[in-house]
Each structure stands twice: as structure tokens, then as C-alpha cells.
């Protein structure tokens, strides 16, 4: 009785906030000025809700734009470093726009999820119209910045925007296509780094990024399947099994390690730096898979950013890789 009463009160609370936010949607920017929940909320609270909805933790994925110039020994050049930073910012703006659109599309499903129900749009802290208006501003701003760096980078970012928006509206409901679409988003980030700095991308580089992306996405689906009580919040999960996702992860990990080893042994350097970097690279994948088996991984960025062994292996790999690039030559 108490539980039912609490659940009803929670839904009433969300509904009240939605009414407060959505009752007058004539000016989304006015809503921001008075607060997302009405005159009683300060503008800083609304700005904080918008920032949370933009998912700044997810921006760490955009570091992939530095992968190509780093492997090409060009990252420390001032002009290249500036182009990488601008490409990173552009992707953060565009990604935030797509997160807002995705949360608008998922708001009803998110309200039935243990943690996603706390997202600002699902919780009624941001109105749908305001979220979509902010998404338009962020998306256009990101495209403008990318185009200013290089017109071709603007096209890559436009492709990323179209891909992620189509994922939110279509591909997320299609088995296999949802995994491919998310993995392609990672690959486009890496491609953008090469385009922004005018650096050619090798086939081995693209294969490592592609296989690694599939590994992470399959791992996320595996973790979601293990969280069976919440499986109904993502329709495509019904088309997957723990066994199939585990097999896909193993295949992607093998391809990734083999491709990276080929990439490392092909590099010319004084010292075994690149070859040694294969060890932390492979151990990182193994550690990540082990964490998935014990029930983690539904939020990959939390594992990557907060698991001490993963952070240590990342630091060792970065040190060895950069030693091969900048010390071994």
C-alpha cells in the first residue's frame, strides 16, 4: 500500500513539473529565465538541468577525434592541436543536441527505468519544446564551427548528426542496425579527427576503431540484458541474447587486438614501444569484459572513467604509445 502510494505520488510529482514546464511553451527561452519548474525555480537551476541533459560525461567519447593526429605524430603541432580542440568542441555541441532529441523521444520509456527516470526531460524539469529549441541551437552551432575548421569536417559532422538523429527516430528500433549505428558514430568521430587535421587514415586504424566500437556497443547491450527488470525499456533487447552479445564481444575483441597488433608491428620506431602497447590494450579489453560479467557496463563511460584498473591500463597504454610516437623516432 505504501509502495503504491509512493509510486503514485512520484508520477503526480513528475506530472506537476511537466505541467509547470509545458503549461506555457510560447517562449522556451523565457522558461529558462524563470526556471524549468516555474517562477519558484532560479534560472541557474534550469541551466543546470539543461547541462545535465547534455550529458557532459558522454563528451569523453569525443576524445576519439585526437586518435588519428596522435598516431600520425602530429598532435603536438600547435595548428593541429587547435584543429583537434575545435573538432572536439563541435562534436560535443552536436552530440549534446542529439542527446536532447533522444531524451525527448525516450521520455515515456525513461520514466519506467530505475535511473533514466531522473533525466531532466523524463522528470519534467525541461519542457519538450525548450529541449528541442536548445538542440537546434547546439546542433547548428556545432555544424557552423566544424565547417569553419574545414568544410569537409562540416560534412562529416552533418553525417554524424543525421546518423544519430535517425538512430533516435528509427534505427534504435531495428535489431542489429542499432548496434551498427552506434558503432558508426564512434568511427565517424575518429574519421573527423583525420579530416579536421588533413591526415590520411590507414585501413588498420579504421579496423581497430570499428572493431573496438562494436565491442563497446555489444558490451552495453550485454549489460542491459543482464539488467532484465529494465529490459522492456529498449525494444531491440528482445531480439538479442546474452550468448549472442558475448559471442559478438569476443569476435570484436579478437579482431581489434589482431588489427592493433598488425598496426603496432608495422610502425617504425627505435624501441619496442608500440609492440609493448599491445599488452595493456588487450588487458583493457579483458578487464572491461570481466566487469560486464559481474553486472557493470550499462553506462560504459562510468566504467571507463572511474574504474581504477581500467584507468591504470589506459595510462600505461597512452604512455607506451606516445613513447613510440615521440620518443622512439
C-alpha atoms as a PDB file:
ATOM      1  CA  UNK A   1       0.000   0.000   0.000  1.00  0.00           C
ATOM      2  CA  UNK A   2       2.788   2.350   0.952  1.00  0.00           C
ATOM      3  CA  UNK A   3       4.779   1.472  -2.177  1.00  0.00           C
ATOM      4  CA  UNK A   4       1.808   2.095  -4.455  1.00  0.00           C
ATOM      5  CA  UNK A   5       1.132   5.388  -2.760  1.00  0.00           C
ATOM      6  CA  UNK A   6       4.772   6.440  -3.178  1.00  0.00           C
ATOM      7  CA  UNK A   7       4.777   5.464  -6.868  1.00  0.00           C
ATOM      8  CA  UNK A   8       1.578   7.439  -7.467  1.00  0.00           C
ATOM      9  CA  UNK A   9       2.998  10.435  -5.679  1.00  0.00           C
ATOM     10  CA  UNK A  10       6.135  10.217  -7.822  1.00  0.00           C
ATOM     11  CA  UNK A  11       4.080  10.174 -11.026  1.00  0.00           C
ATOM     12  CA  UNK A  12       1.978  13.073  -9.755  1.00  0.00           C
ATOM     13  CA  UNK A  13       5.154  14.993  -8.959  1.00  0.00           C
ATOM     14  CA  UNK A  14       6.530  14.415 -12.459  1.00  0.00           C
ATOM     15  CA  UNK A  15       3.198  15.347 -13.967  1.00  0.00           C
ATOM     16  CA  UNK A  16       3.085  18.540 -11.928  1.00  0.00           C
ATOM     17  CA  UNK A  17       6.551  19.509 -13.099  1.00  0.00           C
ATOM     18  CA  UNK A  18       5.623  18.761 -16.698  1.00  0.00           C
ATOM     19  CA  UNK A  19       2.539  20.926 -16.349  1.00  0.00           C
ATOM     20  CA  UNK A  20       4.635  23.710 -14.890  1.00  0.00           C
ATOM     21  CA  UNK A  21       7.139  23.420 -17.709  1.00  0.00           C
ATOM     22  CA  UNK A  22       4.768  22.751 -20.549  1.00  0.00           C
ATOM     23  CA  UNK A  23       1.853  24.912 -19.470  1.00  0.00           C
ATOM     24  CA  UNK A  24       3.180  27.889 -21.367  1.00  0.00           C
ATOM     25  CA  UNK A  25       5.593  26.950 -24.115  1.00  0.00           C
ATOM     26  CA  UNK A  26       5.261  30.133 -26.150  1.00  0.00           C
ATOM     27  CA  UNK A  27       8.858  31.155 -25.347  1.00  0.00           C
ATOM     28  CA  UNK A  28      11.308  28.378 -24.399  1.00  0.00           C
ATOM     29  CA  UNK A  29      13.972  30.941 -23.564  1.00  0.00           C
ATOM     30  CA  UNK A  30      11.599  32.696 -21.154  1.00  0.00           C
ATOM     31  CA  UNK A  31      11.158  29.350 -19.399  1.00  0.00           C
ATOM     32  CA  UNK A  32      14.907  29.201 -18.914  1.00  0.00           C
ATOM     33  CA  UNK A  33      14.912  32.700 -17.451  1.00  0.00           C
ATOM     34  CA  UNK A  34      12.284  31.890 -14.819  1.00  0.00           C
ATOM     35  CA  UNK A  35      13.427  28.315 -14.177  1.00  0.00           C
ATOM     36  CA  UNK A  36      12.368  24.981 -15.607  1.00  0.00           C
ATOM     37  CA  UNK A  37       9.695  24.439 -12.969  1.00  0.00           C
ATOM     38  CA  UNK A  38       8.149  27.920 -12.916  1.00  0.00           C
ATOM     39  CA  UNK A  39       8.824  31.191 -11.125  1.00  0.00           C
ATOM     40  CA  UNK A  40       9.799  29.387  -7.919  1.00  0.00           C
ATOM     41  CA  UNK A  41      12.941  27.932  -9.574  1.00  0.00           C
ATOM     42  CA  UNK A  42      16.017  30.047 -10.233  1.00  0.00           C
ATOM     43  CA  UNK A  43      17.458  30.341 -13.752  1.00  0.00           C
ATOM     44  CA  UNK A  44      20.646  28.639 -12.556  1.00  0.00           C
ATOM     45  CA  UNK A  45      18.597  25.536 -11.699  1.00  0.00           C
ATOM     46  CA  UNK A  46      17.182  25.436 -15.222  1.00  0.00           C
ATOM     47  CA  UNK A  47      20.650  25.926 -16.696  1.00  0.00           C
ATOM     48  CA  UNK A  48      21.919  23.075 -14.537  1.00  0.00           C
ATOM     49  CA  UNK A  49      19.080  20.836 -15.741  1.00  0.00           C
ATOM     50  CA  UNK A  50      19.947  21.671 -19.353  1.00  0.00           C
ATOM     51  CA  UNK A  51      23.625  20.896 -18.731  1.00  0.00           C
ATOM     52  CA  UNK A  52      22.722  17.530 -17.205  1.00  0.00           C
ATOM     53  CA  UNK A  53      20.504  16.765 -20.205  1.00  0.00           C
ATOM     54  CA  UNK A  54      23.505  17.469 -22.476  1.00  0.00           C
ATOM     55  CA  UNK A  55      25.328  14.595 -20.712  1.00  0.00           C
ATOM     56  CA  UNK A  56      28.811  16.099 -20.258  1.00  0.00           C
ATOM     57  CA  UNK A  57      30.158  12.720 -19.108  1.00  0.00           C
ATOM     58  CA  UNK A  58      29.449  11.415 -22.603  1.00  0.00           C
ATOM     59  CA  UNK A  59      31.735  14.061 -24.104  1.00  0.00           C
ATOM     60  CA  UNK A  60      34.685  11.831 -23.227  1.00  0.00           C
ATOM     61  CA  UNK A  61      33.768   9.757 -26.314  1.00  0.00           C
ATOM     62  CA  UNK A  62      34.715  12.718 -28.480  1.00  0.00           C
ATOM     63  CA  UNK A  63      38.379  12.375 -27.457  1.00  0.00           C
ATOM     64  CA  UNK A  64      38.480   9.944 -30.387  1.00  0.00           C
ATOM     65  CA  UNK A  65      38.991  12.959 -32.666  1.00  0.00           C
ATOM     66  CA  UNK A  66      42.566  13.072 -31.326  1.00  0.00           C
ATOM     67  CA  UNK A  67      43.334   9.448 -32.250  1.00  0.00           C
ATOM     68  CA  UNK A  68      44.331   9.976 -35.895  1.00  0.00           C
ATOM     69  CA  UNK A  69      46.605  13.026 -35.390  1.00  0.00           C
ATOM     70  CA  UNK A  70      48.179  11.337 -32.341  1.00  0.00           C
ATOM     71  CA  UNK A  71      49.035   8.192 -34.308  1.00  0.00           C
ATOM     72  CA  UNK A  72      50.383  10.348 -37.125  1.00  0.00           C
ATOM     73  CA  UNK A  73      52.833  12.124 -34.758  1.00  0.00           C
ATOM     74  CA  UNK A  74      51.133  15.455 -35.407  1.00  0.00           C
ATOM     75  CA  UNK A  75      49.191  16.156 -32.215  1.00  0.00           C
ATOM     76  CA  UNK A  76      51.857  18.382 -30.644  1.00  0.00           C
ATOM     77  CA  UNK A  77      51.890  20.793 -33.576  1.00  0.00           C
ATOM     78  CA  UNK A  78      50.096  23.950 -32.469  1.00  0.00           C
ATOM     79  CA  UNK A  79      47.937  24.290 -35.591  1.00  0.00           C
ATOM     80  CA  UNK A  80      46.921  20.627 -35.468  1.00  0.00           C
ATOM     81  CA  UNK A  81      46.203  20.789 -31.736  1.00  0.00           C
ATOM     82  CA  UNK A  82      43.894  23.772 -32.299  1.00  0.00           C
ATOM     83  CA  UNK A  83      42.023  21.949 -35.069  1.00  0.00           C
ATOM     84  CA  UNK A  84      41.597  18.916 -32.800  1.00  0.00           C
ATOM     85  CA  UNK A  85      40.254  21.053 -29.955  1.00  0.00           C
ATOM     86  CA  UNK A  86      37.769  22.796 -32.253  1.00  0.00           C
ATOM     87  CA  UNK A  87      36.656  19.457 -33.712  1.00  0.00           C
ATOM     88  CA  UNK A  88      36.196  18.145 -30.155  1.00  0.00           C
ATOM     89  CA  UNK A  89      34.051  21.143 -29.202  1.00  0.00           C
ATOM     90  CA  UNK A  90      31.992  20.815 -32.389  1.00  0.00           C
ATOM     91  CA  UNK A  91      31.280  17.157 -31.648  1.00  0.00           C
ATOM     92  CA  UNK A  92      30.358  17.958 -28.046  1.00  0.00           C
ATOM     93  CA  UNK A  93      27.807  20.522 -29.253  1.00  0.00           C
ATOM     94  CA  UNK A  94      26.334  18.193 -31.875  1.00  0.00           C
ATOM     95  CA  UNK A  95      26.317  15.180 -29.552  1.00  0.00           C
ATOM     96  CA  UNK A  96      24.528  17.200 -26.871  1.00  0.00           C
ATOM     97  CA  UNK A  97      21.902  18.194 -29.430  1.00  0.00           C
ATOM     98  CA  UNK A  98      21.283  14.545 -30.292  1.00  0.00           C
ATOM     99  CA  UNK A  99      21.114  13.562 -26.607  1.00  0.00           C
ATOM    100  CA  UNK A 100      18.357  16.125 -26.107  1.00  0.00           C
ATOM    101  CA  UNK A 101      16.405  14.807 -29.090  1.00  0.00           C
ATOM    102  CA  UNK A 102      16.939  11.235 -27.924  1.00  0.00           C
ATOM    103  CA  UNK A 103      15.698  12.050 -24.424  1.00  0.00           C
ATOM    104  CA  UNK A 104      12.614  13.711 -25.857  1.00  0.00           C
ATOM    105  CA  UNK A 105      11.881  10.594 -27.924  1.00  0.00           C
ATOM    106  CA  UNK A 106      12.572   8.282 -24.969  1.00  0.00           C
ATOM    107  CA  UNK A 107      10.887  10.290 -22.228  1.00  0.00           C
ATOM    108  CA  UNK A 108       7.954   7.889 -21.742  1.00  0.00           C
ATOM    109  CA  UNK A 109      10.186   4.793 -21.644  1.00  0.00           C
ATOM    110  CA  UNK A 110      12.738   6.519 -19.400  1.00  0.00           C
ATOM    111  CA  UNK A 111      10.070   7.131 -16.751  1.00  0.00           C
ATOM    112  CA  UNK A 112       9.866   3.368 -16.211  1.00  0.00           C
ATOM    113  CA  UNK A 113      13.635   2.950 -15.803  1.00  0.00           C
ATOM    114  CA  UNK A 114      15.287   2.920 -12.372  1.00  0.00           C
ATOM    115  CA  UNK A 115      17.880   5.587 -13.195  1.00  0.00           C
ATOM    116  CA  UNK A 116      16.810   7.135 -16.523  1.00  0.00           C
ATOM    117  CA  UNK A 117      13.598   8.424 -14.928  1.00  0.00           C
ATOM    118  CA  UNK A 118      15.806  11.051 -13.256  1.00  0.00           C
ATOM    119  CA  UNK A 119      16.860  12.558 -16.589  1.00  0.00           C
ATOM    120  CA  UNK A 120      15.679  16.196 -16.749  1.00  0.00           C
ATOM    121  CA  UNK A 121      13.222  15.712 -19.614  1.00  0.00           C
ATOM    122  CA  UNK A 122      11.746  12.473 -18.261  1.00  0.00           C
ATOM    123  CA  UNK A 123      11.487  14.042 -14.804  1.00  0.00           C
ATOM    124  CA  UNK A 124       9.704  17.111 -16.170  1.00  0.00           C
ATOM    125  CA  UNK A 125      12.500  19.547 -15.355  1.00  0.00           C
ATOM    126  CA  UNK A 126      12.784  20.635 -19.006  1.00  0.00           C
ATOM    127  CA  UNK A 127       9.908  21.058 -21.442  1.00  0.00           C
ATOM    128  CA  UNK A 128       9.909  19.234 -24.751  1.00  0.00           C
ATOM    129  CA  UNK A 129       9.798  22.465 -26.740  1.00  0.00           C
ATOM    130  CA  UNK A 130      12.662  24.005 -24.805  1.00  0.00           C
ATOM    131  CA  UNK A 131      14.775  20.859 -25.200  1.00  0.00           C
ATOM    132  CA  UNK A 132      14.192  20.769 -28.959  1.00  0.00           C
ATOM    133  CA  UNK A 133      14.944  24.503 -29.277  1.00  0.00           C
ATOM    134  CA  UNK A 134      18.199  24.060 -27.363  1.00  0.00           C
ATOM    135  CA  UNK A 135      19.040  21.035 -29.531  1.00  0.00           C
ATOM    136  CA  UNK A 136      18.588  23.104 -32.687  1.00  0.00           C
ATOM    137  CA  UNK A 137      20.895  25.847 -31.380  1.00  0.00           C
ATOM    138  CA  UNK A 138      23.574  23.382 -30.278  1.00  0.00           C
ATOM    139  CA  UNK A 139      23.378  21.350 -33.480  1.00  0.00           C
ATOM    140  CA  UNK A 140      23.604  24.343 -35.789  1.00  0.00           C
ATOM    141  CA  UNK A 141      26.380  25.862 -33.686  1.00  0.00           C
ATOM    142  CA  UNK A 142      28.394  22.650 -33.854  1.00  0.00           C
ATOM    143  CA  UNK A 143      27.958  22.376 -37.622  1.00  0.00           C
ATOM    144  CA  UNK A 144      28.968  26.016 -38.104  1.00  0.00           C
ATOM    145  CA  UNK A 145      32.110  25.535 -36.001  1.00  0.00           C
ATOM    146  CA  UNK A 146      33.066  22.325 -37.814  1.00  0.00           C
ATOM    147  CA  UNK A 147      32.563  23.958 -41.219  1.00  0.00           C
ATOM    148  CA  UNK A 148      34.723  26.903 -40.131  1.00  0.00           C
ATOM    149  CA  UNK A 149      37.573  24.487 -39.342  1.00  0.00           C
ATOM    150  CA  UNK A 150      37.232  22.634 -42.667  1.00  0.00           C
ATOM    151  CA  UNK A 151      34.205  22.328 -44.954  1.00  0.00           C
ATOM    152  CA  UNK A 152      34.799  18.566 -45.197  1.00  0.00           C
ATOM    153  CA  UNK A 153      34.699  18.344 -41.392  1.00  0.00           C
ATOM    154  CA  UNK A 154      31.328  20.069 -41.549  1.00  0.00           C
ATOM    155  CA  UNK A 155      30.090  17.315 -43.884  1.00  0.00           C
ATOM    156  CA  UNK A 156      31.384  14.598 -41.549  1.00  0.00           C
ATOM    157  CA  UNK A 157      29.648  16.257 -38.610  1.00  0.00           C
ATOM    158  CA  UNK A 158      26.473  16.577 -40.659  1.00  0.00           C
ATOM    159  CA  UNK A 159      26.688  12.859 -41.404  1.00  0.00           C
ATOM    160  CA  UNK A 160      27.120  12.173 -37.678  1.00  0.00           C
ATOM    161  CA  UNK A 161      24.130  14.370 -36.862  1.00  0.00           C
ATOM    162  CA  UNK A 162      21.932  12.649 -39.445  1.00  0.00           C
ATOM    163  CA  UNK A 163      23.094   9.227 -38.233  1.00  0.00           C
ATOM    164  CA  UNK A 164      22.403   9.904 -34.564  1.00  0.00           C
ATOM    165  CA  UNK A 165      19.056  11.582 -35.191  1.00  0.00           C
ATOM    166  CA  UNK A 166      17.984   8.708 -37.442  1.00  0.00           C
ATOM    167  CA  UNK A 167      19.091   6.345 -34.676  1.00  0.00           C
ATOM    168  CA  UNK A 168      16.846   8.111 -32.160  1.00  0.00           C
ATOM    169  CA  UNK A 169      13.889   8.024 -34.533  1.00  0.00           C
ATOM    170  CA  UNK A 170      14.402   4.757 -36.448  1.00  0.00           C
ATOM    171  CA  UNK A 171      17.491   2.554 -36.067  1.00  0.00           C
ATOM    172  CA  UNK A 172      17.175   2.130 -32.308  1.00  0.00           C
ATOM    173  CA  UNK A 173      14.081   0.036 -33.012  1.00  0.00           C
ATOM    174  CA  UNK A 174      15.786  -2.228 -35.577  1.00  0.00           C
ATOM    175  CA  UNK A 175      17.759  -5.273 -34.413  1.00  0.00           C
ATOM    176  CA  UNK A 176      21.452  -5.222 -35.482  1.00  0.00           C
ATOM    177  CA  UNK A 177      21.001  -1.796 -37.119  1.00  0.00           C
ATOM    178  CA  UNK A 178      21.006  -0.209 -33.655  1.00  0.00           C
ATOM    179  CA  UNK A 179      24.440  -1.695 -32.881  1.00  0.00           C
ATOM    180  CA  UNK A 180      25.821  -0.729 -36.285  1.00  0.00           C
ATOM    181  CA  UNK A 181      24.525   2.850 -35.973  1.00  0.00           C
ATOM    182  CA  UNK A 182      26.106   3.443 -32.564  1.00  0.00           C
ATOM    183  CA  UNK A 183      29.399   1.873 -33.631  1.00  0.00           C
ATOM    184  CA  UNK A 184      29.390   4.026 -36.772  1.00  0.00           C
ATOM    185  CA  UNK A 185      29.096   7.091 -34.550  1.00  0.00           C
ATOM    186  CA  UNK A 186      32.405   6.188 -32.878  1.00  0.00           C
ATOM    187  CA  UNK A 187      34.045   5.616 -36.250  1.00  0.00           C
ATOM    188  CA  UNK A 188      32.859   8.985 -37.529  1.00  0.00           C
ATOM    189  CA  UNK A 189      34.468  10.666 -34.520  1.00  0.00           C
ATOM    190  CA  UNK A 190      37.804   9.081 -35.405  1.00  0.00           C
ATOM    191  CA  UNK A 191      37.360   9.967 -39.078  1.00  0.00           C
ATOM    192  CA  UNK A 192      36.574  13.561 -38.091  1.00  0.00           C
ATOM    193  CA  UNK A 193      39.944  13.830 -36.364  1.00  0.00           C
ATOM    194  CA  UNK A 194      41.705  12.882 -39.578  1.00  0.00           C
ATOM    195  CA  UNK A 195      39.561  15.184 -41.687  1.00  0.00           C
ATOM    196  CA  UNK A 196      39.972  18.140 -39.309  1.00  0.00           C
ATOM    197  CA  UNK A 197      43.757  17.865 -39.451  1.00  0.00           C
ATOM    198  CA  UNK A 198      44.072  16.707 -43.074  1.00  0.00           C
ATOM    199  CA  UNK A 199      45.635  13.379 -42.043  1.00  0.00           C
ATOM    200  CA  UNK A 200      45.081  10.213 -44.074  1.00  0.00           C
ATOM    201  CA  UNK A 201      43.609   7.272 -42.169  1.00  0.00           C
ATOM    202  CA  UNK A 202      45.049   3.801 -42.618  1.00  0.00           C
ATOM    203  CA  UNK A 203      42.899   0.704 -43.037  1.00  0.00           C
ATOM    204  CA  UNK A 204      44.378  -0.818 -39.879  1.00  0.00           C
ATOM    205  CA  UNK A 205      43.472   2.296 -37.901  1.00  0.00           C
ATOM    206  CA  UNK A 206      39.874   2.195 -39.136  1.00  0.00           C
ATOM    207  CA  UNK A 207      39.635  -1.547 -38.441  1.00  0.00           C
ATOM    208  CA  UNK A 208      40.839  -1.108 -34.841  1.00  0.00           C
ATOM    209  CA  UNK A 209      38.360   1.717 -34.238  1.00  0.00           C
ATOM    210  CA  UNK A 210      35.489  -0.171 -35.891  1.00  0.00           C
ATOM    211  CA  UNK A 211      36.082  -3.430 -34.003  1.00  0.00           C
ATOM    212  CA  UNK A 212      36.617  -1.597 -30.725  1.00  0.00           C
ATOM    213  CA  UNK A 213      33.372   0.306 -31.236  1.00  0.00           C
ATOM    214  CA  UNK A 214      31.415  -2.888 -31.859  1.00  0.00           C
ATOM    215  CA  UNK A 215      32.980  -4.371 -28.705  1.00  0.00           C
ATOM    216  CA  UNK A 216      31.774  -1.451 -26.571  1.00  0.00           C
ATOM    217  CA  UNK A 217      28.272  -1.380 -28.068  1.00  0.00           C
ATOM    218  CA  UNK A 218      27.834  -5.151 -27.758  1.00  0.00           C
ATOM    219  CA  UNK A 219      29.039  -4.837 -24.175  1.00  0.00           C
ATOM    220  CA  UNK A 220      26.418  -2.223 -23.442  1.00  0.00           C
ATOM    221  CA  UNK A 221      23.670  -4.446 -24.861  1.00  0.00           C
ATOM    222  CA  UNK A 222      25.042  -7.357 -22.824  1.00  0.00           C
ATOM    223  CA  UNK A 223      24.864  -5.280 -19.649  1.00  0.00           C
ATOM    224  CA  UNK A 224      21.326  -4.144 -20.474  1.00  0.00           C
ATOM    225  CA  UNK A 225      20.249  -7.743 -20.980  1.00  0.00           C
ATOM    226  CA  UNK A 226      21.672  -8.656 -17.579  1.00  0.00           C
ATOM    227  CA  UNK A 227      19.540  -5.884 -16.108  1.00  0.00           C
ATOM    228  CA  UNK A 228      16.469  -7.937 -17.017  1.00  0.00           C
ATOM    229  CA  UNK A 229      13.970  -5.972 -14.866  1.00  0.00           C
ATOM    230  CA  UNK A 230      14.539  -2.957 -17.110  1.00  0.00           C
ATOM    231  CA  UNK A 231      14.839  -4.779 -20.443  1.00  0.00           C
ATOM    232  CA  UNK A 232      11.430  -3.564 -21.559  1.00  0.00           C
ATOM    233  CA  UNK A 233      12.744  -0.016 -21.842  1.00  0.00           C
ATOM    234  CA  UNK A 234      14.680  -0.907 -25.028  1.00  0.00           C
ATOM    235  CA  UNK A 235      12.642  -2.799 -27.610  1.00  0.00           C
ATOM    236  CA  UNK A 236      15.546  -4.343 -29.563  1.00  0.00           C
ATOM    237  CA  UNK A 237      16.775  -6.202 -26.492  1.00  0.00           C
ATOM    238  CA  UNK A 238      14.086  -8.796 -27.113  1.00  0.00           C
ATOM    239  CA  UNK A 239      15.935  -9.740 -30.320  1.00  0.00           C
ATOM    240  CA  UNK A 240      19.275 -10.340 -28.570  1.00  0.00           C
ATOM    241  CA  UNK A 241      20.540 -12.885 -26.054  1.00  0.00           C
ATOM    242  CA  UNK A 242      23.394 -12.884 -23.576  1.00  0.00           C
ATOM    243  CA  UNK A 243      25.036 -15.621 -25.618  1.00  0.00           C
ATOM    244  CA  UNK A 244      24.871 -13.718 -28.910  1.00  0.00           C
ATOM    245  CA  UNK A 245      26.198 -10.500 -27.367  1.00  0.00           C
ATOM    246  CA  UNK A 246      29.002 -12.406 -25.635  1.00  0.00           C
ATOM    247  CA  UNK A 247      29.961 -14.022 -28.944  1.00  0.00           C
ATOM    248  CA  UNK A 248      29.923 -10.651 -30.707  1.00  0.00           C
ATOM    249  CA  UNK A 249      32.111  -9.145 -27.983  1.00  0.00           C
ATOM    250  CA  UNK A 250      34.637 -11.974 -28.276  1.00  0.00           C
ATOM    251  CA  UNK A 251      34.760 -11.658 -32.063  1.00  0.00           C
ATOM    252  CA  UNK A 252      35.129  -7.869 -31.914  1.00  0.00           C
ATOM    253  CA  UNK A 253      37.856  -8.120 -29.257  1.00  0.00           C
ATOM    254  CA  UNK A 254      39.841 -10.650 -31.320  1.00  0.00           C
ATOM    255  CA  UNK A 255      39.603  -8.524 -34.473  1.00  0.00           C
ATOM    256  CA  UNK A 256      40.526  -5.406 -32.515  1.00  0.00           C
ATOM    257  CA  UNK A 257      43.608  -6.970 -30.891  1.00  0.00           C
ATOM    258  CA  UNK A 258      44.824  -8.599 -34.120  1.00  0.00           C
ATOM    259  CA  UNK A 259      44.341  -5.367 -36.100  1.00  0.00           C
ATOM    260  CA  UNK A 260      46.069  -3.323 -33.401  1.00  0.00           C
ATOM    261  CA  UNK A 261      48.964  -5.789 -33.262  1.00  0.00           C
ATOM    262  CA  UNK A 262      49.374  -5.536 -37.035  1.00  0.00           C
ATOM    263  CA  UNK A 263      49.252  -1.739 -36.708  1.00  0.00           C
ATOM    264  CA  UNK A 264      51.840  -1.773 -33.893  1.00  0.00           C
ATOM    265  CA  UNK A 265      54.317  -4.127 -35.585  1.00  0.00           C
ATOM    266  CA  UNK A 266      54.108  -2.134 -38.807  1.00  0.00           C
ATOM    267  CA  UNK A 267      55.205   1.087 -37.126  1.00  0.00           C
ATOM    268  CA  UNK A 268      58.817   2.178 -37.433  1.00  0.00           C
ATOM    269  CA  UNK A 269      60.307   3.157 -34.072  1.00  0.00           C
ATOM    270  CA  UNK A 270      63.527   2.873 -32.072  1.00  0.00           C
ATOM    271  CA  UNK A 271      62.484   0.583 -29.266  1.00  0.00           C
ATOM    272  CA  UNK A 272      59.635  -1.828 -28.663  1.00  0.00           C
ATOM    273  CA  UNK A 273      57.172   0.853 -27.523  1.00  0.00           C
ATOM    274  CA  UNK A 274      54.380   0.106 -29.970  1.00  0.00           C
ATOM    275  CA  UNK A 275      54.772  -3.639 -29.566  1.00  0.00           C
ATOM    276  CA  UNK A 276      54.636  -3.336 -25.772  1.00  0.00           C
ATOM    277  CA  UNK A 277      51.461  -1.219 -26.024  1.00  0.00           C
ATOM    278  CA  UNK A 278      49.628  -4.320 -27.291  1.00  0.00           C
ATOM    279  CA  UNK A 279      49.701  -5.763 -23.750  1.00  0.00           C
ATOM    280  CA  UNK A 280      47.735  -3.013 -21.945  1.00  0.00           C
ATOM    281  CA  UNK A 281      45.449  -2.740 -24.975  1.00  0.00           C
ATOM    282  CA  UNK A 282      44.486  -6.431 -24.749  1.00  0.00           C
ATOM    283  CA  UNK A 283      44.306  -6.370 -20.936  1.00  0.00           C
ATOM    284  CA  UNK A 284      41.983  -3.344 -21.102  1.00  0.00           C
ATOM    285  CA  UNK A 285      39.520  -5.287 -23.247  1.00  0.00           C
ATOM    286  CA  UNK A 286      39.769  -8.258 -20.891  1.00  0.00           C
ATOM    287  CA  UNK A 287      39.179  -6.124 -17.800  1.00  0.00           C
ATOM    288  CA  UNK A 288      36.190  -4.444 -19.414  1.00  0.00           C
ATOM    289  CA  UNK A 289      34.688  -7.827 -20.331  1.00  0.00           C
ATOM    290  CA  UNK A 290      35.244  -9.066 -16.769  1.00  0.00           C
ATOM    291  CA  UNK A 291      33.372  -6.059 -15.373  1.00  0.00           C
ATOM    292  CA  UNK A 292      30.474  -6.809 -17.706  1.00  0.00           C
ATOM    293  CA  UNK A 293      30.276 -10.352 -16.385  1.00  0.00           C
ATOM    294  CA  UNK A 294      29.781  -9.108 -12.823  1.00  0.00           C
ATOM    295  CA  UNK A 295      26.940  -6.809 -13.827  1.00  0.00           C
ATOM    296  CA  UNK A 296      28.545  -3.481 -14.775  1.00  0.00           C
ATOM    297  CA  UNK A 297      28.633  -1.745 -18.150  1.00  0.00           C
ATOM    298  CA  UNK A 298      25.153  -0.336 -18.753  1.00  0.00           C
ATOM    299  CA  UNK A 299      26.843   3.079 -18.616  1.00  0.00           C
ATOM    300  CA  UNK A 300      30.228   2.461 -20.341  1.00  0.00           C
ATOM    301  CA  UNK A 301      31.551   5.964 -19.623  1.00  0.00           C
ATOM    302  CA  UNK A 302      31.293   5.326 -15.870  1.00  0.00           C
ATOM    303  CA  UNK A 303      33.422   2.195 -16.143  1.00  0.00           C
ATOM    304  CA  UNK A 304      35.986   3.853 -18.389  1.00  0.00           C
ATOM    305  CA  UNK A 305      36.296   6.994 -16.278  1.00  0.00           C
ATOM    306  CA  UNK A 306      36.010   5.576 -12.766  1.00  0.00           C
ATOM    307  CA  UNK A 307      37.369   2.010 -12.684  1.00  0.00           C
ATOM    308  CA  UNK A 308      40.964   2.247 -11.300  1.00  0.00           C
ATOM    309  CA  UNK A 309      42.372  -0.779 -13.200  1.00  0.00           C
ATOM    310  CA  UNK A 310      40.921   0.480 -16.490  1.00  0.00           C
ATOM    311  CA  UNK A 311      42.315   3.947 -15.819  1.00  0.00           C
ATOM    312  CA  UNK A 312      45.730   2.457 -14.999  1.00  0.00           C
ATOM    313  CA  UNK A 313      45.777   0.356 -18.166  1.00  0.00           C
ATOM    314  CA  UNK A 314      44.717   3.402 -20.190  1.00  0.00           C
ATOM    315  CA  UNK A 315      47.554   5.461 -18.694  1.00  0.00           C
ATOM    316  CA  UNK A 316      50.107   2.701 -19.400  1.00  0.00           C
ATOM    317  CA  UNK A 317      48.879   2.316 -22.978  1.00  0.00           C
ATOM    318  CA  UNK A 318      48.973   6.077 -23.592  1.00  0.00           C
ATOM    319  CA  UNK A 319      52.487   6.268 -22.150  1.00  0.00           C
ATOM    320  CA  UNK A 320      53.790   3.436 -24.325  1.00  0.00           C
ATOM    321  CA  UNK A 321      52.021   4.673 -27.433  1.00  0.00           C
ATOM    322  CA  UNK A 322      53.295   8.219 -27.082  1.00  0.00           C
ATOM    323  CA  UNK A 323      56.751   6.898 -26.290  1.00  0.00           C
ATOM    324  CA  UNK A 324      56.653   5.090 -29.618  1.00  0.00           C
ATOM    325  CA  UNK A 325      55.446   8.211 -31.427  1.00  0.00           C
ATOM    326  CA  UNK A 326      57.567  10.910 -29.828  1.00  0.00           C
ATOM    327  CA  UNK A 327      60.491   9.121 -28.147  1.00  0.00           C
ATOM    328  CA  UNK A 328      61.145   6.208 -30.455  1.00  0.00           C
ATOM    329  CA  UNK A 329      61.797   8.398 -33.507  1.00  0.00           C
END
